């Protein structure tokens, strides 16, 4: 039963990710990303990590999606533009890089794991909020702070870009 639930969730996550990339409307793309975040949250629940499930729903599906939709609406990016693409060279490059990622994933997947799966104690460490918080604020404090700083810069950049286009 767990395998069937995992497969259904994986199909929903992949479908949401592909639809997010192919959507022409920015708001629809953000909503497909929300679907993907929900599917990832269910996968955390299947891994018996209820804390990560709750964090995925509240932080990513809640706060980050509100921020994304705010930025999309602030910039007016929900309107579909019919202008010709000025950077058309990126599409073949993205397809090539995606194909390379797929090949690497298949090679790694078929090669098998070289290390045994983690024991019960190692898996339990990721579901315990206290040990997860200790890891986040000790070993991974710098990446955590850099991520927050990048999000702050992005929001300030959006506000500056929006104010540049307005006449006061």
C-alpha atoms as a PDB file:
ATOM      1  CA  UNK A   1       0.000   0.000   0.000  1.00  0.00           C
ATOM      2  CA  UNK A   2       2.854   2.354   0.852  1.00  0.00           C
ATOM      3  CA  UNK A   3       4.493   1.715  -2.527  1.00  0.00           C
ATOM      4  CA  UNK A   4       1.258   2.542  -4.368  1.00  0.00           C
ATOM      5  CA  UNK A   5       0.862   5.751  -2.371  1.00  0.00           C
ATOM      6  CA  UNK A   6       4.480   6.672  -3.109  1.00  0.00           C
ATOM      7  CA  UNK A   7       4.044   6.053  -6.845  1.00  0.00           C
ATOM      8  CA  UNK A   8       0.860   8.120  -7.000  1.00  0.00           C
ATOM      9  CA  UNK A   9       2.527  10.943  -5.062  1.00  0.00           C
ATOM     10  CA  UNK A  10       5.604  10.786  -7.298  1.00  0.00           C
ATOM     11  CA  UNK A  11       3.437  11.025 -10.429  1.00  0.00           C
ATOM     12  CA  UNK A  12       1.582  14.016  -8.954  1.00  0.00           C
ATOM     13  CA  UNK A  13       4.885  15.719  -8.028  1.00  0.00           C
ATOM     14  CA  UNK A  14       6.410  15.161 -11.471  1.00  0.00           C
ATOM     15  CA  UNK A  15       3.220  16.240 -13.236  1.00  0.00           C
ATOM     16  CA  UNK A  16       3.050  19.399 -11.127  1.00  0.00           C
ATOM     17  CA  UNK A  17       6.690  20.201 -11.859  1.00  0.00           C
ATOM     18  CA  UNK A  18       6.313  19.706 -15.615  1.00  0.00           C
ATOM     19  CA  UNK A  19       3.065  21.696 -15.700  1.00  0.00           C
ATOM     20  CA  UNK A  20       4.771  24.474 -13.726  1.00  0.00           C
ATOM     21  CA  UNK A  21       7.477  24.694 -16.370  1.00  0.00           C
ATOM     22  CA  UNK A  22       5.058  24.589 -19.307  1.00  0.00           C
ATOM     23  CA  UNK A  23       2.415  26.999 -17.961  1.00  0.00           C
ATOM     24  CA  UNK A  24       2.329  30.266 -19.889  1.00  0.00           C
ATOM     25  CA  UNK A  25       0.645  32.214 -17.094  1.00  0.00           C
ATOM     26  CA  UNK A  26       2.858  33.006 -14.083  1.00  0.00           C
ATOM     27  CA  UNK A  27       0.003  32.591 -11.599  1.00  0.00           C
ATOM     28  CA  UNK A  28      -0.856  29.161 -12.994  1.00  0.00           C
ATOM     29  CA  UNK A  29       2.814  28.257 -12.794  1.00  0.00           C
ATOM     30  CA  UNK A  30       2.895  29.266  -9.116  1.00  0.00           C
ATOM     31  CA  UNK A  31      -0.206  27.176  -8.420  1.00  0.00           C
ATOM     32  CA  UNK A  32       1.390  24.141 -10.060  1.00  0.00           C
ATOM     33  CA  UNK A  33       4.423  24.747  -7.839  1.00  0.00           C
ATOM     34  CA  UNK A  34       2.052  24.689  -4.869  1.00  0.00           C
ATOM     35  CA  UNK A  35       0.772  21.292  -6.048  1.00  0.00           C
ATOM     36  CA  UNK A  36       4.373  20.081  -6.236  1.00  0.00           C
ATOM     37  CA  UNK A  37       5.098  21.338  -2.707  1.00  0.00           C
ATOM     38  CA  UNK A  38       2.058  19.440  -1.437  1.00  0.00           C
ATOM     39  CA  UNK A  39       3.199  16.219  -3.083  1.00  0.00           C
ATOM     40  CA  UNK A  40       6.676  16.611  -1.597  1.00  0.00           C
ATOM     41  CA  UNK A  41       5.082  17.113   1.823  1.00  0.00           C
ATOM     42  CA  UNK A  42       3.218  13.813   1.437  1.00  0.00           C
ATOM     43  CA  UNK A  43       6.517  12.135   0.540  1.00  0.00           C
ATOM     44  CA  UNK A  44       7.993  13.425   3.802  1.00  0.00           C
ATOM     45  CA  UNK A  45       5.046  11.884   5.603  1.00  0.00           C
ATOM     46  CA  UNK A  46       5.719   8.581   3.844  1.00  0.00           C
ATOM     47  CA  UNK A  47       9.319   8.787   5.099  1.00  0.00           C
ATOM     48  CA  UNK A  48       7.908   9.025   8.647  1.00  0.00           C
ATOM     49  CA  UNK A  49       9.112  12.582   9.113  1.00  0.00           C
ATOM     50  CA  UNK A  50       6.030  14.427  10.382  1.00  0.00           C
ATOM     51  CA  UNK A  51       8.002  17.521  11.391  1.00  0.00           C
ATOM     52  CA  UNK A  52       9.389  17.964   7.866  1.00  0.00           C
ATOM     53  CA  UNK A  53       5.860  17.369   6.520  1.00  0.00           C
ATOM     54  CA  UNK A  54       4.498  20.189   8.670  1.00  0.00           C
ATOM     55  CA  UNK A  55       7.400  22.508   7.824  1.00  0.00           C
ATOM     56  CA  UNK A  56       7.015  21.789   4.104  1.00  0.00           C
ATOM     57  CA  UNK A  57       3.339  22.726   4.257  1.00  0.00           C
ATOM     58  CA  UNK A  58       3.651  25.795   6.459  1.00  0.00           C
ATOM     59  CA  UNK A  59       6.907  27.304   5.219  1.00  0.00           C
ATOM     60  CA  UNK A  60       7.039  26.374   1.542  1.00  0.00           C
ATOM     61  CA  UNK A  61       3.403  25.819   0.593  1.00  0.00           C
ATOM     62  CA  UNK A  62       2.331  28.657   2.862  1.00  0.00           C
ATOM     63  CA  UNK A  63       4.837  31.452   3.298  1.00  0.00           C
ATOM     64  CA  UNK A  64       7.057  31.020   0.243  1.00  0.00           C
ATOM     65  CA  UNK A  65       4.089  30.643  -2.115  1.00  0.00           C
ATOM     66  CA  UNK A  66       2.501  33.797  -0.713  1.00  0.00           C
ATOM     67  CA  UNK A  67       5.809  35.576  -1.353  1.00  0.00           C
ATOM     68  CA  UNK A  68       5.997  34.204  -4.923  1.00  0.00           C
ATOM     69  CA  UNK A  69       2.421  35.234  -5.714  1.00  0.00           C
ATOM     70  CA  UNK A  70       3.049  38.665  -4.174  1.00  0.00           C
ATOM     71  CA  UNK A  71       6.084  39.158  -6.404  1.00  0.00           C
ATOM     72  CA  UNK A  72       4.209  37.919  -9.500  1.00  0.00           C
ATOM     73  CA  UNK A  73       1.316  40.271  -8.855  1.00  0.00           C
ATOM     74  CA  UNK A  74       3.603  43.180  -7.967  1.00  0.00           C
ATOM     75  CA  UNK A  75       5.540  42.899 -11.210  1.00  0.00           C
ATOM     76  CA  UNK A  76       2.446  42.258 -13.295  1.00  0.00           C
ATOM     77  CA  UNK A  77       3.977  39.071 -14.650  1.00  0.00           C
ATOM     78  CA  UNK A  78       0.613  37.315 -14.756  1.00  0.00           C
ATOM     79  CA  UNK A  79      -0.006  38.781 -18.202  1.00  0.00           C
ATOM     80  CA  UNK A  80       1.074  36.568 -21.073  1.00  0.00           C
ATOM     81  CA  UNK A  81       3.335  38.343 -23.515  1.00  0.00           C
ATOM     82  CA  UNK A  82       3.149  37.565 -27.212  1.00  0.00           C
ATOM     83  CA  UNK A  83       6.461  39.252 -27.967  1.00  0.00           C
ATOM     84  CA  UNK A  84       9.136  37.191 -29.685  1.00  0.00           C
ATOM     85  CA  UNK A  85      11.618  35.512 -27.388  1.00  0.00           C
ATOM     86  CA  UNK A  86      14.866  37.496 -27.253  1.00  0.00           C
ATOM     87  CA  UNK A  87      16.843  34.744 -25.560  1.00  0.00           C
ATOM     88  CA  UNK A  88      15.801  31.763 -27.647  1.00  0.00           C
ATOM     89  CA  UNK A  89      19.214  30.119 -27.226  1.00  0.00           C
ATOM     90  CA  UNK A  90      18.298  29.178 -23.635  1.00  0.00           C
ATOM     91  CA  UNK A  91      15.652  26.626 -24.633  1.00  0.00           C
ATOM     92  CA  UNK A  92      18.026  24.207 -26.433  1.00  0.00           C
ATOM     93  CA  UNK A  93      20.586  24.673 -23.662  1.00  0.00           C
ATOM     94  CA  UNK A  94      17.969  23.872 -21.012  1.00  0.00           C
ATOM     95  CA  UNK A  95      16.890  20.765 -22.932  1.00  0.00           C
ATOM     96  CA  UNK A  96      20.499  19.623 -23.221  1.00  0.00           C
ATOM     97  CA  UNK A  97      21.163  20.166 -19.508  1.00  0.00           C
ATOM     98  CA  UNK A  98      17.907  18.421 -18.590  1.00  0.00           C
ATOM     99  CA  UNK A  99      18.847  15.448 -20.744  1.00  0.00           C
ATOM    100  CA  UNK A 100      22.284  15.338 -19.090  1.00  0.00           C
ATOM    101  CA  UNK A 101      20.637  15.369 -15.656  1.00  0.00           C
ATOM    102  CA  UNK A 102      18.324  12.548 -16.713  1.00  0.00           C
ATOM    103  CA  UNK A 103      21.255  10.456 -17.974  1.00  0.00           C
ATOM    104  CA  UNK A 104      23.196  11.006 -14.750  1.00  0.00           C
ATOM    105  CA  UNK A 105      20.109  10.090 -12.689  1.00  0.00           C
ATOM    106  CA  UNK A 106      19.594   6.865 -14.637  1.00  0.00           C
ATOM    107  CA  UNK A 107      23.272   5.902 -14.357  1.00  0.00           C
ATOM    108  CA  UNK A 108      23.280   6.525 -10.612  1.00  0.00           C
ATOM    109  CA  UNK A 109      19.949   4.738 -10.182  1.00  0.00           C
ATOM    110  CA  UNK A 110      21.022   1.666 -12.124  1.00  0.00           C
ATOM    111  CA  UNK A 111      24.431   1.617 -10.470  1.00  0.00           C
ATOM    112  CA  UNK A 112      22.813   0.947  -7.110  1.00  0.00           C
ATOM    113  CA  UNK A 113      23.656   2.410  -3.770  1.00  0.00           C
ATOM    114  CA  UNK A 114      27.241   1.879  -2.662  1.00  0.00           C
ATOM    115  CA  UNK A 115      26.413   2.523   0.976  1.00  0.00           C
ATOM    116  CA  UNK A 116      23.793   0.676   2.977  1.00  0.00           C
ATOM    117  CA  UNK A 117      20.614   2.567   3.833  1.00  0.00           C
ATOM    118  CA  UNK A 118      20.746   4.436   7.142  1.00  0.00           C
ATOM    119  CA  UNK A 119      19.845   2.628  10.323  1.00  0.00           C
ATOM    120  CA  UNK A 120      16.712   3.403  12.301  1.00  0.00           C
ATOM    121  CA  UNK A 121      18.520   5.849  14.600  1.00  0.00           C
ATOM    122  CA  UNK A 122      19.853   7.917  11.686  1.00  0.00           C
ATOM    123  CA  UNK A 123      16.394   8.142  10.116  1.00  0.00           C
ATOM    124  CA  UNK A 124      14.815   9.059  13.454  1.00  0.00           C
ATOM    125  CA  UNK A 125      17.271  11.953  13.769  1.00  0.00           C
ATOM    126  CA  UNK A 126      15.631  13.746  10.818  1.00  0.00           C
ATOM    127  CA  UNK A 127      12.133  13.402  12.231  1.00  0.00           C
ATOM    128  CA  UNK A 128      13.079  14.803  15.648  1.00  0.00           C
ATOM    129  CA  UNK A 129      12.610  18.597  15.672  1.00  0.00           C
ATOM    130  CA  UNK A 130      15.213  19.133  18.383  1.00  0.00           C
ATOM    131  CA  UNK A 131      18.028  17.340  16.544  1.00  0.00           C
ATOM    132  CA  UNK A 132      16.961  18.870  13.229  1.00  0.00           C
ATOM    133  CA  UNK A 133      17.058  22.353  14.766  1.00  0.00           C
ATOM    134  CA  UNK A 134      20.440  21.652  16.345  1.00  0.00           C
ATOM    135  CA  UNK A 135      21.834  20.572  12.957  1.00  0.00           C
ATOM    136  CA  UNK A 136      20.301  23.579  11.203  1.00  0.00           C
ATOM    137  CA  UNK A 137      21.684  26.141  13.629  1.00  0.00           C
ATOM    138  CA  UNK A 138      25.116  24.570  14.166  1.00  0.00           C
ATOM    139  CA  UNK A 139      26.448  22.652  11.160  1.00  0.00           C
ATOM    140  CA  UNK A 140      24.265  24.325   8.526  1.00  0.00           C
ATOM    141  CA  UNK A 141      23.996  27.843   9.936  1.00  0.00           C
ATOM    142  CA  UNK A 142      25.876  29.518   7.069  1.00  0.00           C
ATOM    143  CA  UNK A 143      23.711  28.025   4.250  1.00  0.00           C
ATOM    144  CA  UNK A 144      20.601  28.850   6.305  1.00  0.00           C
ATOM    145  CA  UNK A 145      21.649  32.495   6.659  1.00  0.00           C
ATOM    146  CA  UNK A 146      22.719  32.764   3.017  1.00  0.00           C
ATOM    147  CA  UNK A 147      19.295  31.480   1.919  1.00  0.00           C
ATOM    148  CA  UNK A 148      17.539  34.094   4.058  1.00  0.00           C
ATOM    149  CA  UNK A 149      19.811  36.826   2.698  1.00  0.00           C
ATOM    150  CA  UNK A 150      19.134  35.780  -0.915  1.00  0.00           C
ATOM    151  CA  UNK A 151      15.370  35.875  -0.297  1.00  0.00           C
ATOM    152  CA  UNK A 152      15.710  39.346   1.238  1.00  0.00           C
ATOM    153  CA  UNK A 153      17.718  40.583  -1.757  1.00  0.00           C
ATOM    154  CA  UNK A 154      15.102  39.148  -4.127  1.00  0.00           C
ATOM    155  CA  UNK A 155      12.249  40.966  -2.401  1.00  0.00           C
ATOM    156  CA  UNK A 156      14.179  44.263  -2.319  1.00  0.00           C
ATOM    157  CA  UNK A 157      15.056  43.813  -6.001  1.00  0.00           C
ATOM    158  CA  UNK A 158      11.417  43.303  -6.935  1.00  0.00           C
ATOM    159  CA  UNK A 159      10.370  46.424  -5.074  1.00  0.00           C
ATOM    160  CA  UNK A 160      13.141  48.463  -6.732  1.00  0.00           C
ATOM    161  CA  UNK A 161      12.236  47.149 -10.191  1.00  0.00           C
ATOM    162  CA  UNK A 162       8.580  47.907  -9.586  1.00  0.00           C
ATOM    163  CA  UNK A 163       9.319  51.461  -8.411  1.00  0.00           C
ATOM    164  CA  UNK A 164      11.591  52.111 -11.404  1.00  0.00           C
ATOM    165  CA  UNK A 165       8.718  51.550 -13.826  1.00  0.00           C
ATOM    166  CA  UNK A 166       6.302  53.906 -12.027  1.00  0.00           C
ATOM    167  CA  UNK A 167       6.198  57.631 -12.434  1.00  0.00           C
ATOM    168  CA  UNK A 168       5.913  59.440  -9.114  1.00  0.00           C
END
